């Protein structure tokens, strides 16, 4: 579970963490200023990524490997794949020909969406839209993304030895 610890303050949930960091460090540009339409669009795509795009992937994950075998319902997998395709279509339409999901610049919404699309690729689900394919390829090629993946893999190796 993603967790940010800052002294006594503990924050979980990736969307909350991304927004907190962006708001705490406005010079990063990760979050638009509060109160405007740009922030509303940012919030829209963050919430969409976490509630609509990721949800069917988590359903697939739970019923493939996360739940105890006796709790898995393989029959839901086809529906979850369909739900992901529906959400991917909405995302593709929302992205259109833009480079970034929430506007003219990279934001934490792009982090959440790209991470979710990477998860879909790991599950070998087709993204189904050329603009999503190029968006995902472009965002996953960012040096910061690669560094984060390398760090996550290194931490997983340490945890597996423990």
Protein backbone atom coordinates (compact mmCIF):
# COMPACT_ATOMS: atom_id res chain seq x y z
CA UNK A 1 0.00 0.00 0.00
CA UNK A 2 1.45 3.37 -0.91
CA UNK A 3 2.24 5.27 2.27
CA UNK A 4 3.82 8.65 2.90
CA UNK A 5 5.30 9.20 6.35
CA UNK A 6 6.26 12.71 7.37
CA UNK A 7 7.12 12.77 11.05
CA UNK A 8 3.91 11.85 12.89
CA UNK A 9 1.82 12.37 9.75
CA UNK A 10 0.94 9.20 7.82
CA UNK A 11 -0.96 9.38 4.54
CA UNK A 12 -2.10 6.44 2.42
CA UNK A 13 -3.77 6.22 -0.98
CA UNK A 14 -1.81 7.14 -4.07
CA UNK A 15 -4.15 9.91 -5.25
CA UNK A 16 -4.08 11.65 -1.88
CA UNK A 17 -0.29 11.31 -1.71
CA UNK A 18 0.24 12.72 -5.22
CA UNK A 19 -2.07 15.67 -4.57
CA UNK A 20 -0.54 16.38 -1.16
CA UNK A 21 2.99 16.44 -2.60
CA UNK A 22 1.91 18.62 -5.52
CA UNK A 23 0.11 21.07 -3.24
CA UNK A 24 2.93 21.09 -0.70
CA UNK A 25 5.51 21.81 -3.40
CA UNK A 26 3.71 24.04 -5.93
CA UNK A 27 6.90 24.75 -7.91
CA UNK A 28 6.78 21.14 -9.16
CA UNK A 29 3.61 21.91 -11.13
CA UNK A 30 2.23 18.49 -10.19
CA UNK A 31 -1.09 20.01 -9.14
CA UNK A 32 -2.87 23.03 -10.55
CA UNK A 33 -3.86 25.79 -8.11
CA UNK A 34 -6.96 25.08 -6.03
CA UNK A 35 -10.19 26.78 -7.06
CA UNK A 36 -9.89 26.97 -10.82
CA UNK A 37 -11.12 24.98 -13.78
CA UNK A 38 -7.65 23.53 -14.37
CA UNK A 39 -7.76 22.03 -10.84
CA UNK A 40 -11.26 20.73 -11.44
CA UNK A 41 -10.09 18.97 -14.61
CA UNK A 42 -7.09 17.58 -12.69
CA UNK A 43 -9.41 16.25 -9.96
CA UNK A 44 -11.74 14.76 -12.57
CA UNK A 45 -8.99 12.65 -14.13
CA UNK A 46 -7.44 11.65 -10.80
CA UNK A 47 -10.80 10.40 -9.54
CA UNK A 48 -11.55 8.73 -12.86
CA UNK A 49 -8.20 6.91 -12.83
CA UNK A 50 -8.75 5.60 -9.32
CA UNK A 51 -12.46 4.82 -9.45
CA UNK A 52 -13.19 3.82 -13.04
CA UNK A 53 -9.96 2.89 -14.80
CA UNK A 54 -8.23 1.07 -11.94
CA UNK A 55 -11.30 -0.61 -10.44
CA UNK A 56 -11.70 -3.34 -13.08
CA UNK A 57 -7.96 -4.02 -12.97
CA UNK A 58 -8.12 -4.49 -9.21
CA UNK A 59 -11.09 -6.83 -9.73
CA UNK A 60 -8.98 -8.87 -12.15
CA UNK A 61 -6.07 -8.88 -9.70
CA UNK A 62 -8.21 -9.95 -6.76
CA UNK A 63 -9.87 -12.77 -8.67
CA UNK A 64 -6.62 -13.93 -10.26
CA UNK A 65 -4.07 -13.84 -7.43
CA UNK A 66 -4.86 -11.61 -4.45
CA UNK A 67 -7.86 -13.31 -2.88
CA UNK A 68 -7.68 -16.76 -1.32
CA UNK A 69 -8.51 -19.25 -4.05
CA UNK A 70 -11.84 -20.21 -2.48
CA UNK A 71 -12.95 -16.54 -2.64
CA UNK A 72 -12.09 -16.01 -6.30
CA UNK A 73 -14.89 -15.78 -8.86
CA UNK A 74 -13.37 -16.40 -12.29
CA UNK A 75 -16.70 -15.54 -13.94
CA UNK A 76 -16.19 -11.83 -13.11
CA UNK A 77 -12.99 -11.60 -15.17
CA UNK A 78 -14.76 -11.18 -18.51
CA UNK A 79 -16.94 -8.40 -17.10
CA UNK A 80 -13.92 -6.66 -15.57
CA UNK A 81 -12.09 -6.75 -18.91
CA UNK A 82 -15.17 -5.22 -20.57
CA UNK A 83 -15.37 -2.54 -17.85
CA UNK A 84 -11.73 -1.67 -18.43
CA UNK A 85 -12.33 -1.35 -22.19
CA UNK A 86 -15.26 1.02 -21.52
CA UNK A 87 -13.14 3.15 -19.18
CA UNK A 88 -10.23 3.14 -21.64
CA UNK A 89 -12.54 4.46 -24.36
CA UNK A 90 -13.67 7.32 -22.12
CA UNK A 91 -10.06 8.07 -21.25
CA UNK A 92 -9.02 8.01 -24.91
CA UNK A 93 -11.80 10.44 -25.79
CA UNK A 94 -10.84 12.70 -22.88
CA UNK A 95 -7.17 12.67 -23.85
CA UNK A 96 -7.86 13.30 -27.51
CA UNK A 97 -4.73 14.61 -29.20
CA UNK A 98 -3.34 16.29 -26.10
CA UNK A 99 0.00 15.26 -24.63
CA UNK A 100 -1.29 15.24 -21.03
CA UNK A 101 -4.61 14.20 -19.53
CA UNK A 102 -5.49 17.24 -17.41
CA UNK A 103 -4.30 20.05 -19.63
CA UNK A 104 -1.21 21.44 -21.31
CA UNK A 105 1.34 20.18 -18.80
CA UNK A 106 2.37 17.08 -16.92
CA UNK A 107 0.58 16.68 -13.56
CA UNK A 108 0.13 14.04 -10.92
CA UNK A 109 -3.02 12.99 -12.80
CA UNK A 110 -0.67 11.72 -15.52
CA UNK A 111 1.22 9.72 -12.90
CA UNK A 112 -1.97 8.04 -11.73
CA UNK A 113 -3.27 7.37 -15.23
CA UNK A 114 0.06 6.10 -16.57
CA UNK A 115 0.55 3.81 -13.59
CA UNK A 116 -2.91 2.36 -14.12
CA UNK A 117 -2.33 1.86 -17.85
CA UNK A 118 1.00 0.16 -17.07
CA UNK A 119 -0.91 -2.18 -14.79
CA UNK A 120 -3.30 -2.97 -17.66
CA UNK A 121 -0.33 -3.75 -19.88
CA UNK A 122 1.09 -6.05 -17.19
CA UNK A 123 -2.26 -7.88 -17.26
CA UNK A 124 -1.90 -8.05 -21.07
CA UNK A 125 -5.07 -6.06 -21.63
CA UNK A 126 -5.20 -4.08 -24.85
CA UNK A 127 -5.47 -0.34 -24.35
CA UNK A 128 -7.48 -0.30 -27.56
CA UNK A 129 -6.69 3.24 -28.70
CA UNK A 130 -3.64 4.60 -30.50
CA UNK A 131 -3.58 7.79 -28.44
CA UNK A 132 -3.53 5.77 -25.20
CA UNK A 133 -0.76 3.58 -26.54
CA UNK A 134 1.43 6.57 -27.43
CA UNK A 135 0.53 8.40 -24.20
CA UNK A 136 1.50 5.36 -22.12
CA UNK A 137 4.72 4.77 -24.04
CA UNK A 138 5.68 8.43 -23.71
CA UNK A 139 4.96 8.65 -19.97
CA UNK A 140 6.59 5.34 -19.10
CA UNK A 141 9.73 6.48 -20.91
CA UNK A 142 10.14 9.46 -18.56
CA UNK A 143 13.38 9.23 -16.55
CA UNK A 144 11.52 9.78 -13.27
CA UNK A 145 9.23 6.82 -14.04
CA UNK A 146 12.23 4.60 -14.74
CA UNK A 147 13.93 5.69 -11.50
CA UNK A 148 10.77 4.98 -9.52
CA UNK A 149 10.48 1.51 -11.07
CA UNK A 150 14.12 0.72 -10.34
CA UNK A 151 13.70 1.84 -6.73
CA UNK A 152 10.53 -0.21 -6.32
CA UNK A 153 12.24 -3.31 -7.72
CA UNK A 154 15.24 -2.82 -5.42
CA UNK A 155 12.95 -2.46 -2.38
CA UNK A 156 11.02 -5.59 -3.41
CA UNK A 157 14.28 -7.56 -3.51
CA UNK A 158 15.19 -6.37 -0.02
CA UNK A 159 11.73 -7.29 1.30
CA UNK A 160 11.87 -10.74 -0.29
CA UNK A 161 15.15 -11.47 1.51
CA UNK A 162 13.69 -10.47 4.88
